[in-house]
Amino acid sequence: MIDHGAILVAAREAFIARGRVEVGELAQIVGVNRSTIYRRFKGRDGLLAEVIWSMCEVALDTSEQRAPGVGAVKIANTLGEFAAIANRDSAFRAFLAREPERAFKVLTTRAGGVQPRIVGRVAQMLDEQGHAGELEPGLPIPDLALILVRITETFVYANLITGEAPDAVKVQQACAAMLGAPARNTEIRRAG
C-alpha cells in the first residue's frame, strides 16, 4: 500500500517538472488507481493545494532566513522575498498561466487550503516579533496577517488581476507601509 507522502512527493516532482499534475499519470507512477488519489486528497484541487503548500512552506522558511532586520522590517522583507521566490518559480508561473481560475480557487480561498496556512504562518511571524518586543501590531494579528497575505497576492498575481508584471519589490514596500516600517530594501530584485 502506497502512503500519502509518496503520492505527494511524486505529485510535487510532476508539478515542478511541468507546472501541472495529471491524476491519471500520477496514479500510474505511484501504482494506485485514480480514485485512491482523489479520495486521499479530496480531488485534484486538494492534491494541488498540498503540492503548492509544500513548496510555499519551503519558500517561507527560506525567505525568513534570508530577510534582514527585525520587527516590521523583518516581516516586510520576508514577504518580499517570498514573493520574489514565487515570481521566479517557472512551474508556479506555468500553473497560473495555464489554469488561472483553478489557481485562484486553490491559492486564494479558505476552501483552497493554501492561503489559510500562509496566513497562519505570517501570524506566527507577527506573534514572534511581538513577543520579542520588536513589533506592536496595530490590528489583531489574524487580521493583520490576512491583510499582509492579500497584499502579497495582489503583486504576485498582478499579471492575472491587472495585466501588470508581478513585483516583489512592491510587496515589500506595501507590507512595510502597512506595518509602519521604512519601505526600502536592496535585497529584493525588481525582476523577482
Protein backbone atom coordinates (compact mmCIF):
# COMPACT_ATOMS: atom_id res chain seq x y z
CA MET A 1 0.00 0.00 0.00
CA ILE A 2 1.37 3.38 -1.04
CA ASP A 3 1.42 6.10 1.58
CA HIS A 4 0.16 9.67 1.42
CA GLY A 5 3.70 11.05 1.48
CA ALA A 6 4.85 9.05 -1.54
CA ILE A 7 1.91 10.32 -3.59
CA LEU A 8 2.69 13.88 -2.54
CA VAL A 9 6.39 13.53 -3.42
CA ALA A 10 5.55 12.18 -6.89
CA ALA A 11 2.94 14.92 -7.41
CA ARG A 12 5.40 17.63 -6.37
CA GLU A 13 8.02 16.25 -8.78
CA ALA A 14 5.46 16.29 -11.61
CA PHE A 15 4.41 19.84 -10.74
CA ILE A 16 8.00 21.09 -10.63
CA ALA A 17 8.81 19.41 -13.93
CA ARG A 18 5.73 20.59 -15.84
CA GLY A 19 3.73 23.07 -13.77
CA ARG A 20 0.80 20.65 -13.58
CA VAL A 21 -0.31 17.39 -12.03
CA GLU A 22 -2.35 14.87 -14.00
CA VAL A 23 -4.01 12.44 -11.61
CA GLY A 24 -4.17 9.54 -14.11
CA GLU A 25 -0.47 9.83 -14.88
CA LEU A 26 0.38 10.18 -11.18
CA ALA A 27 -1.68 7.08 -10.35
CA GLN A 28 0.36 5.05 -12.83
CA ILE A 29 3.64 6.37 -11.43
CA VAL A 30 2.82 5.51 -7.80
CA GLY A 31 0.92 2.31 -8.57
CA VAL A 32 -2.55 3.18 -7.31
CA ASN A 33 -5.81 3.91 -9.05
CA ARG A 34 -7.09 7.43 -9.62
CA SER A 35 -9.91 7.07 -7.13
CA THR A 36 -7.39 6.42 -4.34
CA ILE A 37 -5.69 9.72 -5.06
CA TYR A 38 -8.99 11.59 -5.34
CA ARG A 39 -10.16 10.07 -2.05
CA ARG A 40 -6.95 10.78 -0.14
CA PHE A 41 -6.65 14.38 -1.32
CA LYS A 42 -10.32 15.27 -1.81
CA GLY A 43 -9.85 15.70 -5.56
CA ARG A 44 -7.28 17.23 -7.85
CA ASP A 45 -7.63 20.66 -6.23
CA GLY A 46 -6.82 19.17 -2.84
CA LEU A 47 -3.76 17.48 -4.28
CA LEU A 48 -2.63 20.72 -5.95
CA ALA A 49 -3.12 22.58 -2.67
CA GLU A 50 -0.91 20.09 -0.84
CA VAL A 51 1.78 20.28 -3.51
CA ILE A 52 1.78 24.08 -3.60
CA TRP A 53 1.67 24.39 0.19
CA SER A 54 4.69 22.06 0.48
CA MET A 55 6.55 24.41 -1.86
CA CYS A 56 5.29 27.52 -0.04
CA GLU A 57 6.44 26.15 3.27
CA VAL A 58 10.00 25.79 2.00
CA ALA A 59 9.85 29.22 0.35
CA LEU A 60 8.62 30.83 3.58
CA ASP A 61 11.41 29.17 5.58
CA THR A 62 13.99 30.34 3.05
CA SER A 63 12.53 33.85 2.93
CA GLU A 64 12.51 34.23 6.68
CA GLN A 65 16.13 33.08 6.91
CA ARG A 66 17.27 35.46 4.16
CA ALA A 67 15.28 38.52 5.29
CA PRO A 68 17.31 41.13 7.12
CA GLY A 69 16.01 43.19 10.01
CA VAL A 70 13.70 42.75 12.94
CA GLY A 71 10.07 43.54 13.63
CA ALA A 72 8.13 45.20 10.83
CA VAL A 73 11.22 45.34 8.60
CA LYS A 74 11.81 41.59 9.00
CA ILE A 75 8.18 40.77 8.17
CA ALA A 76 8.09 43.07 5.11
CA ASN A 77 11.42 41.73 3.86
CA THR A 78 10.29 38.13 4.39
CA LEU A 79 7.12 38.65 2.38
CA GLY A 80 9.02 40.49 -0.34
CA GLU A 81 11.49 37.62 -0.61
CA PHE A 82 8.65 35.08 -0.57
CA ALA A 83 7.05 36.93 -3.50
CA ALA A 84 10.39 37.01 -5.33
CA ILE A 85 10.74 33.24 -4.97
CA ALA A 86 7.18 32.70 -6.25
CA ASN A 87 7.73 35.09 -9.14
CA ARG A 88 10.90 33.24 -10.22
CA ASP A 89 9.37 29.76 -9.96
CA SER A 90 8.70 28.62 -13.52
CA ALA A 91 6.39 25.74 -12.52
CA PHE A 92 4.26 28.03 -10.37
CA ARG A 93 4.09 30.68 -13.10
CA ALA A 94 3.16 28.00 -15.67
CA PHE A 95 0.33 26.80 -13.40
CA LEU A 96 -1.00 30.34 -13.02
CA ALA A 97 -0.89 30.90 -16.78
CA ARG A 98 -2.42 27.54 -17.73
CA GLU A 99 -5.16 27.33 -15.08
CA PRO A 100 -5.83 30.83 -13.68
CA GLU A 101 -9.32 30.10 -12.34
CA ARG A 102 -8.21 26.91 -10.60
CA ALA A 103 -5.12 28.69 -9.29
CA PHE A 104 -7.21 31.46 -7.71
CA LYS A 105 -9.54 28.89 -6.15
CA VAL A 106 -6.72 26.75 -4.75
CA LEU A 107 -4.44 29.61 -3.72
CA THR A 108 -6.62 32.47 -2.53
CA THR A 109 -9.69 30.96 -0.86
CA ARG A 110 -10.19 29.41 2.53
CA ALA A 111 -11.57 26.29 0.86
CA GLY A 112 -8.47 26.02 -1.34
CA GLY A 113 -6.31 25.32 1.67
CA VAL A 114 -3.14 27.22 0.78
CA GLN A 115 -3.97 30.76 1.84
CA PRO A 116 -5.11 29.86 5.39
CA ARG A 117 -1.79 28.12 6.02
CA ILE A 118 0.21 31.07 4.67
CA VAL A 119 -1.88 33.43 6.82
CA GLY A 120 -1.21 31.18 9.82
CA ARG A 121 2.50 31.26 9.14
CA VAL A 122 2.53 35.06 8.79
CA ALA A 123 0.52 35.33 12.02
CA GLN A 124 3.15 33.18 13.71
CA MET A 125 5.92 35.52 12.47
CA LEU A 126 3.98 38.57 13.67
CA ASP A 127 3.43 36.93 17.05
CA GLU A 128 7.11 36.01 17.38
CA GLN A 129 8.24 39.55 16.55
CA GLY A 130 5.67 40.93 19.00
CA HIS A 131 6.79 38.64 21.82
CA ALA A 132 10.40 39.62 21.13
CA GLY A 133 9.40 43.26 21.66
CA GLU A 134 10.22 44.15 18.06
CA LEU A 135 6.68 44.79 16.80
CA GLU A 136 3.48 46.35 18.11
CA PRO A 137 0.74 45.29 15.68
CA GLY A 138 -1.87 47.98 15.11
CA LEU A 139 -4.52 45.36 14.36
CA PRO A 140 -5.37 41.95 15.76
CA ILE A 141 -2.69 39.55 14.49
CA PRO A 142 -5.06 37.30 12.50
CA ASP A 143 -6.48 40.33 10.66
CA LEU A 144 -3.05 41.84 10.04
CA ALA A 145 -1.69 38.52 8.76
CA LEU A 146 -4.59 38.20 6.30
CA ILE A 147 -4.08 41.76 5.03
CA LEU A 148 -0.35 41.17 4.52
CA VAL A 149 -1.02 37.95 2.62
CA ARG A 150 -3.62 39.71 0.46
CA ILE A 151 -1.08 42.44 -0.32
CA THR A 152 1.42 39.76 -1.30
CA GLU A 153 -1.14 38.01 -3.51
CA THR A 154 -2.00 41.28 -5.24
CA PHE A 155 1.53 41.73 -6.55
CA VAL A 156 2.34 38.04 -7.14
CA TYR A 157 -0.83 37.56 -9.23
CA ALA A 158 -0.69 41.06 -10.76
CA ASN A 159 -0.45 39.76 -14.31
CA LEU A 160 -3.75 37.91 -13.84
CA ILE A 161 -5.50 40.70 -11.92
CA THR A 162 -4.34 43.88 -13.65
CA GLY A 163 -2.16 42.72 -16.52
CA GLU A 164 0.93 44.21 -14.88
CA ALA A 165 4.11 42.26 -14.18
CA PRO A 166 4.43 40.54 -10.79
CA ASP A 167 6.54 42.71 -8.49
CA ALA A 168 8.20 41.51 -5.28
CA VAL A 169 9.59 44.96 -4.51
CA LYS A 170 6.05 46.33 -4.36
CA VAL A 171 5.15 43.50 -1.95
CA GLN A 172 7.97 44.53 0.36
CA GLN A 173 7.12 48.24 0.07
CA ALA A 174 3.37 47.80 0.61
CA CYS A 175 3.86 45.44 3.56
CA ALA A 176 6.39 47.84 5.07
CA ALA A 177 3.89 50.70 4.68
CA MET A 178 1.14 48.60 6.29
CA LEU A 179 3.43 47.80 9.21
CA GLY A 180 4.84 51.34 9.54
CA ALA A 181 8.39 50.36 8.53
CA PRO A 182 10.77 52.00 6.07
CA ALA A 183 9.87 50.85 2.53
CA ARG A 184 13.38 50.41 1.15
CA ASN A 185 15.07 47.10 0.50
CA THR A 186 18.05 46.41 -1.70
CA GLU A 187 17.87 42.66 -1.15
CA ILE A 188 14.85 42.06 -3.40
CA ARG A 189 15.39 42.34 -7.12
CA ARG A 190 12.66 44.10 -9.09
CA ALA A 191 12.69 41.24 -11.63
CA GLY A 192 11.53 38.90 -8.87
